[in-house]
């Protein structure tokens, strides 16, 4: 039943407006906050609505988002979030909407929309400019030259993290030639400890650990392969653009040798290891959270920027938009990173079998042969133990004298224990039987595709679809197109057979890298 204007005014001013002011304006008012893009301090505010559309439909409380939110029927849409309205308060809102949602507030207040980012202006900021070589900074005064012993200790700690040995000190002290220090530096740069020392900085940056996630101690038994890959890369002086390419899209890159292919696959562990949540019953949420963590890692490691905020809204100051974030999200949504183990809430990082060199196959064949021989010997001993136990049981069955039974019972118990020990060893050997090497690694999904915006980051509140793409501020010119049948992690550069991976354009200008240049 529709109320007269006077009665409707009274209802709104005495019951509805006070309720909105006390319970809603804290988060949905121009004078406080505008969460979800929704304001309720004006009629035009609820008519215009927020991220989810109009807040209510006059005459239809059951179809109104506002009523749905205050009823707490949807776990993803509950308002106010701190405490549910009383039944009486909910009834007030339901009746108000049922009777036409009369709102005498005349002022039309609209929500200011963020202006589009001016990328030409944004790219003028120093943070988006290529690094240019400057002259060496020379200080007006310098510290006195260090003694040979101190100099050796400093360079040893800097390059390897280890002190020099007594032999190193004696050799350097005795070497008075002009190239003595250069030889020390070359020796340290060529040591395995150099890669361990400097590779650790990279591992810290990407959050490397021998487990996955922080909420649960989930072991990542093959994580060490990625650690060793990083150490090898530093010791081999791998070009940095190649180092980045491999960690984002190594599984999609061509290789000249089996060892190179192994490294490329292992390198993609970058996207899987560290603080990656894999314990989640809601697999849709797990998937978008995993992609968010990968985007965060790529942003911090390669762009020097945090991208997480853009999951819900455009950056306020940086030239990064929802389109940029969900363009990247589509790329990683089209990449297989975790699989459901079938054990309740548990998932696990994807694994890939590494290709084998002839030497690898020979070692595996020998290991399997040796393993089979050990297993056969243990099985023979186990059968013999069971046979002996059976014979003792037969003897015991015909004995009634306790003095005769006791030694045989003791012998049978020892025989049974020995048999159980052998069976346990066989079970263990079955678990550790030699297999081809595996690594935590990614691969493209069978059906790549674009992804939808998750409104306020909610995996079950989906908005419009965004084409796969890259952070626009990271490119000068036109970013490469993503073929429909590929994830987009790797593309071929225009007019070049060189593999191009999206973050590298930020770091390398010029040279023979096959990546986009800035003017």
Protein backbone atom coordinates (compact mmCIF):
# COMPACT_ATOMS: atom_id res chain seq x y z
CA UNK A 1 0.00 0.00 0.00
CA UNK A 2 1.37 3.39 -1.00
CA UNK A 3 1.37 6.10 1.65
CA UNK A 4 0.33 9.70 1.17
CA UNK A 5 3.22 12.13 0.78
CA UNK A 6 2.75 13.51 4.28
CA UNK A 7 2.71 10.12 5.96
CA UNK A 8 5.63 8.96 3.83
CA UNK A 9 7.61 12.05 4.88
CA UNK A 10 6.90 11.29 8.53
CA UNK A 11 7.95 7.64 8.14
CA UNK A 12 11.21 8.59 6.43
CA UNK A 13 12.15 11.44 8.77
CA UNK A 14 11.26 9.66 12.03
CA UNK A 15 12.37 6.11 11.31
CA UNK A 16 14.28 5.62 8.05
CA UNK A 17 16.66 8.62 8.00
CA UNK A 18 17.76 8.11 11.67
CA UNK A 19 18.37 4.44 10.95
CA UNK A 20 20.49 5.22 7.89
CA UNK A 21 22.44 7.87 9.78
CA UNK A 22 23.16 5.66 12.79
CA UNK A 23 23.92 2.39 11.04
CA UNK A 24 24.94 3.17 7.45
CA UNK A 25 26.53 6.61 7.08
CA UNK A 26 29.77 5.52 8.76
CA UNK A 27 30.75 3.73 5.56
CA UNK A 28 28.35 5.15 2.95
CA UNK A 29 28.31 8.91 3.16
CA UNK A 30 30.11 11.75 1.38
CA UNK A 31 31.19 13.17 4.74
CA UNK A 32 32.82 9.93 5.94
CA UNK A 33 33.57 7.06 3.54
CA UNK A 34 32.21 5.73 0.27
CA UNK A 35 32.76 1.99 0.46
CA UNK A 36 31.81 -0.08 -2.54
CA UNK A 37 31.02 3.12 -4.43
CA UNK A 38 27.71 3.45 -2.56
CA UNK A 39 26.37 6.52 -0.70
CA UNK A 40 23.11 6.58 1.25
CA UNK A 41 23.05 10.23 2.30
CA UNK A 42 21.01 11.18 -0.78
CA UNK A 43 18.22 9.75 -2.87
CA UNK A 44 20.34 9.89 -6.00
CA UNK A 45 23.05 7.95 -4.11
CA UNK A 46 20.99 4.79 -3.63
CA UNK A 47 19.42 5.22 -7.06
CA UNK A 48 22.82 5.38 -8.72
CA UNK A 49 24.08 2.57 -6.49
CA UNK A 50 27.62 1.28 -6.07
CA UNK A 51 29.76 -1.47 -7.53
CA UNK A 52 26.82 -3.89 -7.50
CA UNK A 53 24.28 -1.53 -9.05
CA UNK A 54 21.21 0.24 -7.52
CA UNK A 55 20.92 -0.36 -3.80
CA UNK A 56 17.19 -0.96 -3.79
CA UNK A 57 14.14 -1.41 -6.01
CA UNK A 58 11.10 0.59 -4.78
CA UNK A 59 8.16 -1.69 -4.05
CA UNK A 60 10.33 -4.84 -4.12
CA UNK A 61 12.25 -5.38 -0.87
CA UNK A 62 13.07 -9.01 -1.70
CA UNK A 63 14.81 -7.87 -4.92
CA UNK A 64 16.73 -5.05 -3.24
CA UNK A 65 20.45 -5.43 -2.53
CA UNK A 66 20.10 -3.30 0.60
CA UNK A 67 17.60 -5.73 2.14
CA UNK A 68 19.66 -8.72 1.07
CA UNK A 69 22.70 -7.21 2.78
CA UNK A 70 21.01 -6.42 6.09
CA UNK A 71 19.31 -9.84 6.23
CA UNK A 72 22.75 -11.55 6.22
CA UNK A 73 21.48 -14.27 3.87
CA UNK A 74 24.57 -14.04 1.65
CA UNK A 75 27.91 -14.59 3.46
CA UNK A 76 29.62 -12.36 0.87
CA UNK A 77 27.21 -9.45 1.31
CA UNK A 78 26.51 -8.62 4.96
CA UNK A 79 25.93 -5.03 6.10
CA UNK A 80 26.67 -3.49 8.51
CA UNK A 81 29.74 -5.75 8.73
CA UNK A 82 30.34 -5.21 12.46
CA UNK A 83 26.86 -6.09 13.77
CA UNK A 84 23.63 -7.18 12.14
CA UNK A 85 20.62 -4.86 12.38
CA UNK A 86 17.89 -5.82 14.82
CA UNK A 87 14.77 -7.51 13.47
CA UNK A 88 12.83 -4.29 14.09
CA UNK A 89 15.33 -2.21 12.11
CA UNK A 90 15.23 -4.63 9.21
CA UNK A 91 11.44 -4.46 9.22
CA UNK A 92 11.60 -0.65 9.00
CA UNK A 93 13.70 -0.84 5.83
CA UNK A 94 11.54 -3.59 4.31
CA UNK A 95 8.34 -1.61 4.92
CA UNK A 96 9.89 1.59 3.60
CA UNK A 97 10.92 -0.10 0.34
CA UNK A 98 7.63 -2.03 0.06
CA UNK A 99 5.73 1.27 0.32
CA UNK A 100 7.71 2.85 -2.52
CA UNK A 101 10.98 3.96 -0.84
CA UNK A 102 9.80 7.57 -0.52
CA UNK A 103 12.83 9.82 -0.03
CA UNK A 104 12.15 13.57 0.27
CA UNK A 105 15.84 14.53 0.06
CA UNK A 106 16.05 16.76 -3.02
CA UNK A 107 19.75 17.39 -3.41
CA UNK A 108 21.22 15.31 -6.19
CA UNK A 109 24.63 14.07 -5.10
CA UNK A 110 26.70 12.01 -7.50
CA UNK A 111 29.86 10.07 -6.87
CA UNK A 112 32.89 11.58 -8.52
CA UNK A 113 34.40 9.10 -10.92
CA UNK A 114 38.16 8.83 -11.22
CA UNK A 115 39.47 10.48 -14.35
CA UNK A 116 41.33 8.34 -16.83
CA UNK A 117 45.08 8.05 -16.35
CA UNK A 118 47.14 10.22 -18.66
CA UNK A 119 49.82 7.70 -19.56
CA UNK A 120 51.91 10.20 -21.53
CA UNK A 121 52.21 12.35 -18.43
CA UNK A 122 52.66 9.36 -16.11
CA UNK A 123 55.60 8.07 -18.12
CA UNK A 124 57.41 11.36 -17.55
CA UNK A 125 57.78 10.47 -13.88
CA UNK A 126 61.37 9.51 -13.08
CA UNK A 127 60.32 6.05 -11.88
CA UNK A 128 59.22 5.11 -15.41
CA UNK A 129 62.29 6.44 -17.19
CA UNK A 130 65.12 4.15 -18.36
CA UNK A 131 68.29 4.23 -16.31
CA UNK A 132 70.96 6.41 -17.88
CA UNK A 133 74.67 6.14 -17.25
CA UNK A 134 76.09 9.02 -15.26
CA UNK A 135 79.64 9.88 -14.47
CA UNK A 136 81.33 8.28 -11.50
CA UNK A 137 80.70 10.30 -8.37
CA UNK A 138 84.01 11.38 -6.89
CA UNK A 139 84.11 12.53 -3.31
CA UNK A 140 86.08 15.58 -2.31
CA UNK A 141 87.86 13.54 0.30
CA UNK A 142 88.24 9.82 0.75
CA UNK A 143 89.21 7.46 3.51
CA UNK A 144 92.81 6.31 3.69
CA UNK A 145 93.63 3.19 1.68
CA UNK A 146 92.97 -0.03 3.56
CA UNK A 147 95.73 -2.44 4.42
CA UNK A 148 96.06 -5.63 2.37
CA UNK A 149 94.62 -7.85 5.08
CA UNK A 150 91.57 -5.58 5.60
CA UNK A 151 91.08 -5.21 1.84
CA UNK A 152 91.08 -9.00 1.39
CA UNK A 153 88.56 -9.48 4.19
CA UNK A 154 86.24 -6.84 2.76
CA UNK A 155 86.19 -8.21 -0.76
CA UNK A 156 85.85 -11.80 0.49
CA UNK A 157 82.82 -10.95 2.62
CA UNK A 158 81.31 -8.78 -0.14
CA UNK A 159 81.56 -11.40 -2.87
CA UNK A 160 81.15 -14.69 -1.01
CA UNK A 161 79.93 -13.84 2.50
CA UNK A 162 82.90 -15.81 3.88
CA UNK A 163 86.16 -14.70 5.50
CA UNK A 164 89.42 -15.44 3.71
CA UNK A 165 91.31 -18.55 4.77
CA UNK A 166 94.78 -18.40 6.26
CA UNK A 167 96.15 -19.63 2.95
CA UNK A 168 94.31 -16.85 1.09
CA UNK A 169 95.74 -14.23 3.45
CA UNK A 170 99.27 -15.56 3.14
CA UNK A 171 99.10 -15.75 -0.67
CA UNK A 172 97.70 -12.21 -1.09
CA UNK A 173 100.14 -10.71 1.41
CA UNK A 174 103.06 -12.31 -0.40
CA UNK A 175 101.85 -11.27 -3.89
CA UNK A 176 103.20 -7.77 -4.52
CA UNK A 177 102.39 -7.68 -8.24
CA UNK A 178 100.15 -4.99 -9.75
CA UNK A 179 97.42 -7.56 -10.59
CA UNK A 180 97.30 -9.25 -7.18
CA UNK A 181 93.95 -7.78 -6.16
CA UNK A 182 92.42 -8.40 -9.60
CA UNK A 183 93.37 -12.08 -9.32
CA UNK A 184 91.70 -12.25 -5.90
CA UNK A 185 88.51 -10.74 -7.31
CA UNK A 186 88.52 -13.15 -10.27
CA UNK A 187 89.01 -16.11 -7.94
CA UNK A 188 86.12 -15.03 -5.71
CA UNK A 189 83.81 -14.33 -8.66
CA UNK A 190 84.58 -17.80 -9.99
CA UNK A 191 83.85 -19.56 -6.70
CA UNK A 192 80.62 -21.43 -6.02
CA UNK A 193 80.16 -19.34 -2.89
CA UNK A 194 79.66 -16.23 -5.06
CA UNK A 195 76.38 -17.62 -6.46
CA UNK A 196 75.27 -18.70 -3.01
CA UNK A 197 76.00 -15.25 -1.55
CA UNK A 198 74.32 -13.17 -4.25
CA UNK A 199 71.65 -15.67 -5.20
CA UNK A 200 70.35 -15.38 -1.64
CA UNK A 201 69.38 -11.75 -2.28
CA UNK A 202 67.18 -12.86 -5.16
CA UNK A 203 65.69 -15.71 -3.12
CA UNK A 204 64.83 -13.23 -0.34
CA UNK A 205 63.19 -10.91 -2.89
CA UNK A 206 60.91 -13.63 -4.26
CA UNK A 207 60.09 -15.11 -0.84
CA UNK A 208 61.79 -18.46 -1.38
CA UNK A 209 61.26 -21.15 1.26
CA UNK A 210 61.33 -24.94 1.45
CA UNK A 211 57.62 -24.86 2.18
CA UNK A 212 54.55 -23.31 0.58
CA UNK A 213 52.42 -20.76 2.41
CA UNK A 214 52.69 -19.38 5.91
CA UNK A 215 49.40 -20.48 7.49
CA UNK A 216 50.36 -24.18 7.24
CA UNK A 217 53.72 -25.92 7.24
CA UNK A 218 53.31 -27.53 3.82
CA UNK A 219 56.59 -29.00 2.64
CA UNK A 220 57.75 -28.27 -0.90
CA UNK A 221 60.19 -31.20 -1.34
CA UNK A 222 61.42 -30.12 -4.77
CA UNK A 223 61.88 -26.43 -3.91
CA UNK A 224 65.65 -26.88 -3.65
CA UNK A 225 65.83 -27.23 -7.44
CA UNK A 226 64.73 -23.60 -7.87
CA UNK A 227 67.25 -22.50 -5.22
CA UNK A 228 70.05 -24.30 -7.04
CA UNK A 229 68.89 -22.85 -10.38
CA UNK A 230 69.29 -19.33 -8.98
CA UNK A 231 72.78 -20.13 -7.66
CA UNK A 232 73.79 -21.58 -11.04
CA UNK A 233 72.43 -18.53 -12.85
CA UNK A 234 74.58 -16.16 -10.77
CA UNK A 235 77.67 -18.32 -11.10
CA UNK A 236 77.18 -18.67 -14.86
CA UNK A 237 76.65 -14.89 -15.21
CA UNK A 238 73.35 -15.57 -16.97
CA UNK A 239 72.07 -12.43 -18.76
CA UNK A 240 69.44 -10.80 -16.58
CA UNK A 241 66.82 -10.60 -19.33
CA UNK A 242 67.18 -14.35 -19.91
CA UNK A 243 66.98 -14.90 -16.14
CA UNK A 244 63.63 -13.07 -16.05
CA UNK A 245 62.30 -14.74 -19.19
CA UNK A 246 62.89 -18.20 -17.77
CA UNK A 247 61.17 -17.54 -14.47
CA UNK A 248 57.98 -16.28 -16.11
CA UNK A 249 57.79 -18.49 -19.19
CA UNK A 250 60.70 -20.93 -19.22
CA UNK A 251 58.40 -23.87 -20.02
CA UNK A 252 57.39 -22.12 -23.26
CA UNK A 253 60.88 -21.20 -24.45
CA UNK A 254 63.00 -23.11 -26.99
CA UNK A 255 66.15 -24.78 -25.68
CA UNK A 256 69.42 -25.74 -27.33
CA UNK A 257 70.18 -28.58 -24.89
CA UNK A 258 68.55 -30.83 -22.31
CA UNK A 259 70.31 -29.10 -19.35
CA UNK A 260 69.04 -25.74 -20.61
CA UNK A 261 65.53 -27.17 -20.90
CA UNK A 262 65.77 -28.50 -17.35
CA UNK A 263 66.75 -25.06 -16.07
CA UNK A 264 63.92 -23.37 -17.96
CA UNK A 265 61.30 -25.65 -16.42
CA UNK A 266 62.76 -25.39 -12.91
CA UNK A 267 62.90 -21.58 -13.22
CA UNK A 268 59.09 -21.31 -13.35
CA UNK A 269 59.06 -22.41 -9.72
CA UNK A 270 59.34 -18.66 -9.18
CA UNK A 271 55.55 -18.50 -9.70
CA UNK A 272 54.74 -21.31 -7.26
CA UNK A 273 57.04 -21.17 -4.27
CA UNK A 274 56.94 -19.03 -1.16
CA UNK A 275 53.90 -17.44 0.42
CA UNK A 276 51.34 -19.14 -1.81
CA UNK A 277 48.16 -20.26 -0.05
CA UNK A 278 47.18 -23.78 -1.13
CA UNK A 279 44.86 -24.72 1.74
CA UNK A 280 41.35 -23.54 0.83
CA UNK A 281 38.05 -25.37 0.48
CA UNK A 282 36.66 -22.75 -1.91
CA UNK A 283 38.65 -23.55 -5.05
CA UNK A 284 37.37 -20.49 -6.93
CA UNK A 285 38.73 -18.30 -4.15
CA UNK A 286 41.97 -20.30 -4.08
CA UNK A 287 42.47 -19.69 -7.77
CA UNK A 288 41.99 -15.91 -7.69
CA UNK A 289 44.06 -15.62 -4.52
CA UNK A 290 46.88 -17.62 -6.14
CA UNK A 291 46.82 -15.32 -9.17
CA UNK A 292 46.83 -12.29 -6.87
CA UNK A 293 49.94 -13.61 -5.12
CA UNK A 294 51.65 -14.21 -8.47
CA UNK A 295 50.83 -10.69 -9.65
CA UNK A 296 52.17 -9.33 -6.36
CA UNK A 297 55.41 -11.27 -6.83
CA UNK A 298 55.85 -10.13 -10.43
CA UNK A 299 55.11 -6.52 -9.46
CA UNK A 300 57.60 -6.41 -6.61
CA UNK A 301 60.37 -8.46 -8.22
CA UNK A 302 60.30 -7.02 -11.74
CA UNK A 303 58.44 -3.71 -11.61
CA UNK A 304 59.35 -2.45 -8.16
CA UNK A 305 55.64 -1.77 -7.59
CA UNK A 306 52.80 -3.18 -5.52
CA UNK A 307 49.87 -4.28 -7.68
CA UNK A 308 47.58 -5.91 -5.11
CA UNK A 309 45.41 -2.84 -4.49
CA UNK A 310 44.35 -2.87 -8.14
CA UNK A 311 42.49 -6.12 -7.55
CA UNK A 312 39.70 -3.93 -6.11
CA UNK A 313 40.26 -0.43 -7.52
CA UNK A 314 42.52 1.71 -9.69
CA UNK A 315 45.67 2.96 -8.02
CA UNK A 316 45.15 6.43 -6.62
CA UNK A 317 48.52 7.78 -7.74
CA UNK A 318 50.34 5.24 -9.96
CA UNK A 319 49.21 4.85 -13.58
CA UNK A 320 47.82 1.36 -12.98
CA UNK A 321 44.18 0.45 -13.51
CA UNK A 322 41.80 -2.46 -13.05
CA UNK A 323 42.26 -3.18 -16.74
CA UNK A 324 46.01 -3.61 -16.18
CA UNK A 325 45.51 -5.92 -13.18
CA UNK A 326 42.89 -8.15 -14.79
CA UNK A 327 44.83 -8.20 -18.04
CA UNK A 328 47.65 -9.81 -16.05
CA UNK A 329 45.18 -11.93 -14.09
CA UNK A 330 43.92 -13.45 -17.34
CA UNK A 331 47.47 -14.49 -18.19
CA UNK A 332 47.98 -16.25 -14.88
CA UNK A 333 44.43 -17.64 -14.84
CA UNK A 334 45.43 -19.30 -18.12
CA UNK A 335 48.43 -20.89 -16.40
CA UNK A 336 48.20 -24.12 -14.39
CA UNK A 337 49.86 -23.51 -11.01
CA UNK A 338 48.15 -25.74 -8.44
CA UNK A 339 46.10 -28.91 -8.53
CA UNK A 340 43.54 -30.35 -6.11
CA UNK A 341 45.04 -33.32 -4.29
CA UNK A 342 41.64 -34.88 -3.61
CA UNK A 343 42.25 -34.63 0.13
CA UNK A 344 39.65 -32.17 1.39
CA UNK A 345 40.84 -28.56 1.38
CA UNK A 346 44.36 -29.40 0.25
CA UNK A 347 45.86 -28.41 -3.06
CA UNK A 348 49.50 -28.59 -4.13
CA UNK A 349 51.90 -26.75 -6.45
CA UNK A 350 52.07 -28.30 -9.91
CA UNK A 351 54.95 -30.65 -10.71
CA UNK A 352 56.69 -31.39 -13.99
CA UNK A 353 58.98 -34.25 -14.94
CA UNK A 354 62.33 -32.95 -16.14
CA UNK A 355 63.76 -34.17 -19.46
CA UNK A 356 66.76 -36.49 -19.16
CA UNK A 357 70.19 -36.43 -20.68
CA UNK A 358 71.73 -39.79 -21.71
CA UNK A 359 73.81 -39.63 -18.53
CA UNK A 360 70.64 -39.00 -16.48
CA UNK A 361 68.99 -42.07 -18.03
CA UNK A 362 72.04 -44.20 -17.33
CA UNK A 363 72.10 -43.14 -13.68
CA UNK A 364 68.36 -43.77 -13.37
CA UNK A 365 68.65 -47.23 -14.98
CA UNK A 366 71.50 -48.16 -12.65
CA UNK A 367 69.66 -46.82 -9.61
CA UNK A 368 66.57 -48.84 -10.56
CA UNK A 369 68.65 -51.97 -11.09
CA UNK A 370 70.35 -51.57 -7.71
CA UNK A 371 67.01 -50.80 -6.07
CA UNK A 372 65.40 -53.91 -7.58
CA UNK A 373 68.23 -56.09 -6.35
CA UNK A 374 67.89 -54.77 -2.79
CA UNK A 375 64.12 -55.27 -2.91
CA UNK A 376 64.50 -58.84 -4.21
CA UNK A 377 66.97 -59.69 -1.45
CA UNK A 378 64.70 -58.26 1.24
CA UNK A 379 61.67 -60.10 -0.14
CA UNK A 380 63.60 -63.37 -0.04
CA UNK A 381 64.60 -62.73 3.57
CA UNK A 382 61.02 -61.77 4.44
CA UNK A 383 59.67 -64.99 2.94
CA UNK A 384 62.27 -67.02 4.78
CA UNK A 385 61.34 -65.28 8.05
CA UNK A 386 57.64 -66.01 7.48
CA UNK A 387 58.44 -69.65 6.66
CA UNK A 388 60.51 -70.01 9.84
CA UNK A 389 57.71 -68.39 11.87
CA UNK A 390 55.23 -70.88 10.42
CA UNK A 391 57.44 -73.86 11.30
CA UNK A 392 57.79 -72.58 14.87
CA UNK A 393 54.02 -72.16 15.12
CA UNK A 394 53.58 -75.80 14.03
CA UNK A 395 56.01 -76.97 16.69
CA UNK A 396 54.28 -74.92 19.38
CA UNK A 397 50.91 -76.39 18.48
CA UNK A 398 52.07 -79.83 19.62
CA UNK A 399 53.70 -78.74 22.88
CA UNK A 400 51.92 -78.46 26.22
CA UNK A 401 54.97 -78.30 28.49
CA UNK A 402 55.62 -74.68 29.50
CA UNK A 403 59.37 -75.16 29.86
CA UNK A 404 59.55 -76.42 26.27
CA UNK A 405 57.22 -73.72 24.88
CA UNK A 406 58.94 -70.66 26.36
CA UNK A 407 62.18 -70.78 24.28
CA UNK A 408 60.22 -71.52 21.10
CA UNK A 409 57.76 -68.66 21.79
CA UNK A 410 60.66 -66.29 22.35
CA UNK A 411 62.29 -67.44 19.12
CA UNK A 412 59.01 -67.03 17.20
CA UNK A 413 58.48 -63.50 18.62
CA UNK A 414 61.97 -62.49 17.48
CA UNK A 415 61.32 -64.04 14.07
CA UNK A 416 58.00 -62.18 13.72
CA UNK A 417 59.63 -58.88 14.72
CA UNK A 418 62.38 -59.42 12.17
CA UNK A 419 59.75 -60.11 9.52
CA UNK A 420 57.86 -56.91 10.36
CA UNK A 421 61.09 -54.91 10.16
CA UNK A 422 61.80 -56.35 6.72
CA UNK A 423 58.27 -55.54 5.54
CA UNK A 424 58.60 -51.95 6.79
CA UNK A 425 61.88 -51.60 4.90
CA UNK A 426 60.17 -52.89 1.77
CA UNK A 427 57.39 -50.32 2.15
CA UNK A 428 59.98 -47.56 2.54
CA UNK A 429 61.89 -48.76 -0.53
CA UNK A 430 58.68 -48.74 -2.53
CA UNK A 431 58.11 -45.12 -1.49
CA UNK A 432 61.64 -44.03 -2.45
CA UNK A 433 62.08 -46.06 -5.59
CA UNK A 434 64.15 -44.20 -8.21
CA UNK A 435 62.08 -41.97 -10.47
CA UNK A 436 62.85 -39.30 -13.06
CA UNK A 437 63.63 -35.91 -11.54
CA UNK A 438 60.63 -33.62 -10.99
CA UNK A 439 60.32 -29.93 -10.16
CA UNK A 440 57.64 -27.48 -9.05
CA UNK A 441 56.78 -25.83 -12.37
CA UNK A 442 53.94 -24.23 -14.32
CA UNK A 443 52.41 -24.94 -17.72
CA UNK A 444 49.73 -23.35 -19.87
CA UNK A 445 46.12 -24.33 -19.18
CA UNK A 446 44.46 -26.44 -21.91
CA UNK A 447 41.94 -23.67 -22.64
CA UNK A 448 43.48 -20.21 -22.09
CA UNK A 449 41.13 -17.26 -21.91
CA UNK A 450 40.40 -13.83 -20.53
CA UNK A 451 39.12 -13.38 -17.00
CA UNK A 452 36.42 -11.30 -15.33
CA UNK A 453 36.88 -8.55 -12.77
CA UNK A 454 36.19 -9.82 -9.25
CA UNK A 455 34.21 -7.02 -7.64
CA UNK A 456 35.97 -5.91 -4.46
CA UNK A 457 38.18 -8.98 -4.94
CA UNK A 458 35.28 -11.40 -4.36
CA UNK A 459 35.73 -14.55 -6.46
CA UNK A 460 31.94 -15.02 -6.61
CA UNK A 461 31.01 -11.43 -7.55
CA UNK A 462 32.07 -11.20 -11.18
CA UNK A 463 32.07 -8.13 -13.38
CA UNK A 464 32.99 -7.55 -17.01
CA UNK A 465 35.63 -9.57 -18.83
CA UNK A 466 39.04 -7.95 -19.48
CA UNK A 467 41.27 -8.95 -22.42
CA UNK A 468 44.61 -10.42 -21.44
CA UNK A 469 47.33 -7.81 -21.51
CA UNK A 470 50.05 -6.03 -19.63
CA UNK A 471 50.67 -3.00 -17.42
CA UNK A 472 50.37 -0.19 -19.97
CA UNK A 473 52.78 2.08 -18.13
CA UNK A 474 55.44 -0.58 -18.67
CA UNK A 475 55.44 -0.15 -22.43
CA UNK A 476 56.19 2.51 -24.95
CA UNK A 477 54.27 1.94 -28.13
CA UNK A 478 51.76 -0.88 -28.50
CA UNK A 479 52.07 -3.95 -26.24
CA UNK A 480 52.16 -7.30 -28.07
CA UNK A 481 48.85 -9.02 -28.71
CA UNK A 482 48.08 -12.27 -26.88
CA UNK A 483 47.06 -15.15 -29.18
CA UNK A 484 43.78 -16.81 -28.21
CA UNK A 485 45.39 -20.24 -27.79
CA UNK A 486 48.19 -19.08 -25.48
CA UNK A 487 48.24 -17.86 -21.89
CA UNK A 488 50.19 -14.73 -22.82
CA UNK A 489 53.21 -15.45 -20.62
CA UNK A 490 55.46 -15.39 -23.60
CA UNK A 491 55.14 -13.78 -27.04
CA UNK A 492 57.42 -13.45 -29.99
CA UNK A 493 58.73 -9.94 -30.54
CA UNK A 494 57.60 -8.28 -33.77
CA UNK A 495 59.90 -9.12 -36.64
CA UNK A 496 62.17 -11.12 -34.35
CA UNK A 497 62.51 -14.76 -33.43
CA UNK A 498 63.65 -13.78 -29.95
CA UNK A 499 61.31 -14.76 -27.10
CA UNK A 500 59.83 -11.75 -25.34
CA UNK A 501 58.41 -11.86 -21.83
CA UNK A 502 56.25 -9.00 -20.59
CA UNK A 503 58.17 -7.59 -17.58
CA UNK A 504 61.52 -7.45 -19.36
CA UNK A 505 60.61 -4.36 -21.36
CA UNK A 506 60.89 -2.36 -18.17
CA UNK A 507 64.51 -3.21 -17.64
CA UNK A 508 66.30 -3.50 -20.95
CA UNK A 509 66.56 -0.78 -23.54
CA UNK A 510 68.65 -1.23 -26.61
CA UNK A 511 71.20 -3.97 -27.10
CA UNK A 512 70.44 -7.33 -28.64
CA UNK A 513 67.79 -8.44 -26.16
CA UNK A 514 64.81 -8.59 -28.48
CA UNK A 515 62.67 -6.57 -26.07
CA UNK A 516 60.71 -3.36 -26.45
CA UNK A 517 62.71 -0.14 -26.25
CA UNK A 518 61.83 3.17 -24.72
CA UNK A 519 62.64 6.23 -26.81
